[in-house]
Amino acid sequence: MAKKSKIAKSLRLLQKRRELILSGEKKYNRVSTRGVNRCKITGRPKAYMRFFGLSRLTFRELALKGELPGVVKASK
């Protein structure tokens, strides 16, 4: 599990970036530290699947349990 402070910082930076983009600011890259996409369940920053919002480990667990609709194994 990721530290809660790192997750909170990442969310705060992503929110600030969204606000700058929506306000029409031309230099929305001025956020000092980049926000990191993290898994919604574990907070893992690496091996993140953007479409699902999960890390590969969490994705695999949920897919094998059948909790992700529309996801099936490629081989049988």
N, C-alpha and C. Protein backbone atom coordinates (compact mmCIF):
# COMPACT_ATOMS: atom_id res chain seq x y z
N MET A 1 0.84 -1.19 0.00
CA MET A 1 0.00 0.00 0.00
C MET A 1 0.88 1.24 0.00
N ALA A 2 0.40 2.24 -0.71
CA ALA A 2 1.12 3.51 -0.77
C ALA A 2 0.84 4.32 0.49
N LYS A 3 1.78 5.21 0.80
CA LYS A 3 1.56 6.09 1.93
C LYS A 3 0.40 7.02 1.63
N LYS A 4 -0.43 7.27 2.62
CA LYS A 4 -1.60 8.13 2.42
C LYS A 4 -1.20 9.54 2.02
N SER A 5 -0.07 10.01 2.54
CA SER A 5 0.35 11.38 2.21
C SER A 5 0.72 11.49 0.73
N LYS A 6 1.34 10.44 0.16
CA LYS A 6 1.69 10.48 -1.26
C LYS A 6 0.44 10.45 -2.13
N ILE A 7 -0.55 9.67 -1.73
CA ILE A 7 -1.81 9.61 -2.47
C ILE A 7 -2.51 10.96 -2.42
N ALA A 8 -2.55 11.57 -1.24
CA ALA A 8 -3.20 12.86 -1.08
C ALA A 8 -2.50 13.93 -1.92
N LYS A 9 -1.16 13.92 -1.92
CA LYS A 9 -0.41 14.91 -2.69
C LYS A 9 -0.68 14.75 -4.18
N SER A 10 -0.72 13.51 -4.63
CA SER A 10 -0.96 13.25 -6.04
C SER A 10 -2.35 13.75 -6.45
N LEU A 11 -3.35 13.47 -5.64
CA LEU A 11 -4.71 13.92 -5.93
C LEU A 11 -4.80 15.45 -5.94
N ARG A 12 -4.11 16.08 -5.01
CA ARG A 12 -4.13 17.54 -4.92
C ARG A 12 -3.50 18.16 -6.17
N LEU A 13 -2.38 17.61 -6.63
CA LEU A 13 -1.72 18.16 -7.81
C LEU A 13 -2.53 17.94 -9.08
N LEU A 14 -3.16 16.77 -9.21
CA LEU A 14 -4.00 16.52 -10.37
C LEU A 14 -5.20 17.46 -10.39
N GLN A 15 -5.78 17.73 -9.22
CA GLN A 15 -6.92 18.64 -9.12
C GLN A 15 -6.50 20.06 -9.51
N LYS A 16 -5.33 20.49 -9.04
CA LYS A 16 -4.85 21.84 -9.36
C LYS A 16 -4.61 21.98 -10.86
N ARG A 17 -4.06 20.94 -11.47
CA ARG A 17 -3.81 20.96 -12.92
C ARG A 17 -5.12 21.05 -13.69
N ARG A 18 -6.15 20.28 -13.25
CA ARG A 18 -7.47 20.35 -13.90
C ARG A 18 -8.05 21.76 -13.83
N GLU A 19 -7.90 22.38 -12.66
CA GLU A 19 -8.43 23.74 -12.49
C GLU A 19 -7.74 24.73 -13.42
N LEU A 20 -6.42 24.58 -13.57
CA LEU A 20 -5.68 25.49 -14.46
C LEU A 20 -6.11 25.30 -15.91
N ILE A 21 -6.35 24.05 -16.31
CA ILE A 21 -6.78 23.78 -17.68
C ILE A 21 -8.16 24.37 -17.93
N LEU A 22 -9.08 24.17 -16.98
CA LEU A 22 -10.44 24.67 -17.14
C LEU A 22 -10.52 26.20 -17.11
N SER A 23 -9.60 26.84 -16.38
CA SER A 23 -9.64 28.30 -16.31
C SER A 23 -9.10 28.96 -17.59
N GLY A 24 -8.54 28.15 -18.49
CA GLY A 24 -8.03 28.69 -19.74
C GLY A 24 -6.60 29.19 -19.63
N GLU A 25 -5.94 28.86 -18.54
CA GLU A 25 -4.54 29.25 -18.34
C GLU A 25 -3.68 28.61 -19.42
N LYS A 26 -2.83 29.41 -20.05
CA LYS A 26 -2.00 28.88 -21.13
C LYS A 26 -0.86 28.03 -20.60
N LYS A 27 -0.33 28.37 -19.43
CA LYS A 27 0.79 27.63 -18.87
C LYS A 27 0.29 26.74 -17.73
N TYR A 28 -0.44 25.70 -18.07
CA TYR A 28 -0.96 24.83 -17.03
C TYR A 28 0.07 23.79 -16.60
N ASN A 29 1.26 23.81 -17.21
CA ASN A 29 2.33 22.93 -16.77
C ASN A 29 3.14 23.54 -15.64
N ARG A 30 2.70 24.63 -15.10
CA ARG A 30 3.48 25.31 -14.08
C ARG A 30 3.36 24.65 -12.70
N VAL A 31 2.61 23.58 -12.59
CA VAL A 31 2.54 22.85 -11.32
C VAL A 31 3.93 22.29 -11.06
N SER A 32 4.48 22.59 -9.89
CA SER A 32 5.89 22.28 -9.64
C SER A 32 6.19 20.79 -9.71
N THR A 33 5.32 19.97 -9.19
CA THR A 33 5.53 18.52 -9.21
C THR A 33 4.38 17.90 -9.98
N ARG A 34 4.68 16.98 -10.85
CA ARG A 34 3.65 16.34 -11.65
C ARG A 34 2.81 15.39 -10.81
N GLY A 35 1.53 15.34 -11.09
CA GLY A 35 0.66 14.38 -10.43
C GLY A 35 0.90 13.00 -11.01
N VAL A 36 0.75 11.98 -10.20
CA VAL A 36 1.00 10.61 -10.63
C VAL A 36 -0.31 9.85 -10.59
N ASN A 37 -0.63 9.14 -11.68
CA ASN A 37 -1.81 8.30 -11.67
C ASN A 37 -1.56 7.13 -10.73
N ARG A 38 -2.54 6.83 -9.89
CA ARG A 38 -2.39 5.75 -8.92
C ARG A 38 -3.61 4.85 -8.95
N CYS A 39 -3.40 3.60 -8.57
CA CYS A 39 -4.47 2.62 -8.50
C CYS A 39 -5.52 3.10 -7.50
N LYS A 40 -6.80 2.96 -7.85
CA LYS A 40 -7.87 3.43 -6.97
C LYS A 40 -7.98 2.59 -5.69
N ILE A 41 -7.53 1.35 -5.74
CA ILE A 41 -7.69 0.45 -4.60
C ILE A 41 -6.43 0.42 -3.73
N THR A 42 -5.27 0.18 -4.36
CA THR A 42 -4.04 0.01 -3.58
C THR A 42 -3.18 1.25 -3.51
N GLY A 43 -3.33 2.17 -4.45
CA GLY A 43 -2.50 3.37 -4.47
C GLY A 43 -1.17 3.15 -5.17
N ARG A 44 -1.00 2.04 -5.84
CA ARG A 44 0.26 1.72 -6.52
C ARG A 44 0.45 2.64 -7.73
N PRO A 45 1.64 3.30 -7.83
CA PRO A 45 1.86 4.22 -8.94
C PRO A 45 2.36 3.56 -10.22
N LYS A 46 2.93 2.37 -10.10
CA LYS A 46 3.50 1.71 -11.28
C LYS A 46 2.51 0.71 -11.86
N ALA A 47 2.68 0.40 -13.14
CA ALA A 47 1.84 -0.56 -13.86
C ALA A 47 0.37 -0.16 -13.77
N TYR A 48 0.09 1.11 -14.02
CA TYR A 48 -1.25 1.67 -13.93
C TYR A 48 -1.95 1.54 -15.28
N MET A 49 -3.18 1.01 -15.27
CA MET A 49 -3.98 0.90 -16.49
C MET A 49 -5.01 2.03 -16.47
N ARG A 50 -4.80 2.99 -17.34
CA ARG A 50 -5.59 4.22 -17.32
C ARG A 50 -7.07 3.96 -17.57
N PHE A 51 -7.40 3.04 -18.46
CA PHE A 51 -8.80 2.78 -18.82
C PHE A 51 -9.60 2.30 -17.61
N PHE A 52 -8.98 1.49 -16.76
CA PHE A 52 -9.67 0.93 -15.60
C PHE A 52 -9.38 1.70 -14.32
N GLY A 53 -8.29 2.45 -14.28
CA GLY A 53 -7.92 3.17 -13.07
C GLY A 53 -7.33 2.25 -12.02
N LEU A 54 -6.77 1.12 -12.45
CA LEU A 54 -6.23 0.12 -11.52
C LEU A 54 -4.82 -0.25 -11.92
N SER A 55 -4.07 -0.79 -10.95
CA SER A 55 -2.76 -1.35 -11.28
C SER A 55 -2.98 -2.73 -11.88
N ARG A 56 -1.94 -3.27 -12.52
CA ARG A 56 -2.08 -4.56 -13.18
C ARG A 56 -2.38 -5.68 -12.19
N LEU A 57 -1.85 -5.57 -10.97
CA LEU A 57 -2.07 -6.61 -9.96
C LEU A 57 -3.54 -6.63 -9.51
N THR A 58 -4.07 -5.46 -9.22
CA THR A 58 -5.47 -5.36 -8.81
C THR A 58 -6.40 -5.74 -9.96
N PHE A 59 -6.04 -5.30 -11.19
CA PHE A 59 -6.82 -5.65 -12.36
C PHE A 59 -6.92 -7.17 -12.51
N ARG A 60 -5.79 -7.84 -12.37
CA ARG A 60 -5.76 -9.29 -12.55
C ARG A 60 -6.63 -9.99 -11.50
N GLU A 61 -6.52 -9.55 -10.25
CA GLU A 61 -7.33 -10.15 -9.17
C GLU A 61 -8.82 -9.99 -9.46
N LEU A 62 -9.23 -8.78 -9.81
CA LEU A 62 -10.65 -8.52 -10.04
C LEU A 62 -11.16 -9.23 -11.29
N ALA A 63 -10.32 -9.31 -12.32
CA ALA A 63 -10.72 -9.97 -13.56
C ALA A 63 -10.91 -11.47 -13.33
N LEU A 64 -10.02 -12.09 -12.56
CA LEU A 64 -10.14 -13.53 -12.28
C LEU A 64 -11.36 -13.84 -11.43
N LYS A 65 -11.74 -12.91 -10.55
CA LYS A 65 -12.95 -13.10 -9.73
C LYS A 65 -14.22 -12.84 -10.53
N GLY A 66 -14.08 -12.20 -11.70
CA GLY A 66 -15.24 -11.88 -12.52
C GLY A 66 -15.94 -10.60 -12.11
N GLU A 67 -15.23 -9.71 -11.43
CA GLU A 67 -15.83 -8.48 -10.93
C GLU A 67 -15.69 -7.31 -11.91
N LEU A 68 -14.99 -7.52 -13.03
CA LEU A 68 -14.89 -6.48 -14.04
C LEU A 68 -15.75 -6.90 -15.23
N PRO A 69 -16.85 -6.21 -15.47
CA PRO A 69 -17.74 -6.61 -16.56
C PRO A 69 -17.09 -6.46 -17.92
N GLY A 70 -17.26 -7.46 -18.76
CA GLY A 70 -16.75 -7.42 -20.13
C GLY A 70 -15.33 -7.87 -20.28
N VAL A 71 -14.65 -8.22 -19.18
CA VAL A 71 -13.27 -8.66 -19.26
C VAL A 71 -13.24 -10.19 -19.19
N VAL A 72 -12.62 -10.79 -20.21
CA VAL A 72 -12.51 -12.26 -20.24
C VAL A 72 -11.05 -12.62 -20.52
N LYS A 73 -10.70 -13.85 -20.16
CA LYS A 73 -9.35 -14.33 -20.42
C LYS A 73 -9.15 -14.51 -21.92
N ALA A 74 -7.93 -14.25 -22.37
CA ALA A 74 -7.62 -14.42 -23.79
C ALA A 74 -7.46 -15.88 -24.16
N SER A 75 -6.96 -16.68 -23.23
CA SER A 75 -6.80 -18.11 -23.49
C SER A 75 -7.60 -18.89 -22.46
N LYS A 76 -7.91 -20.14 -22.82
CA LYS A 76 -8.71 -20.94 -21.88
C LYS A 76 -7.96 -22.07 -21.30
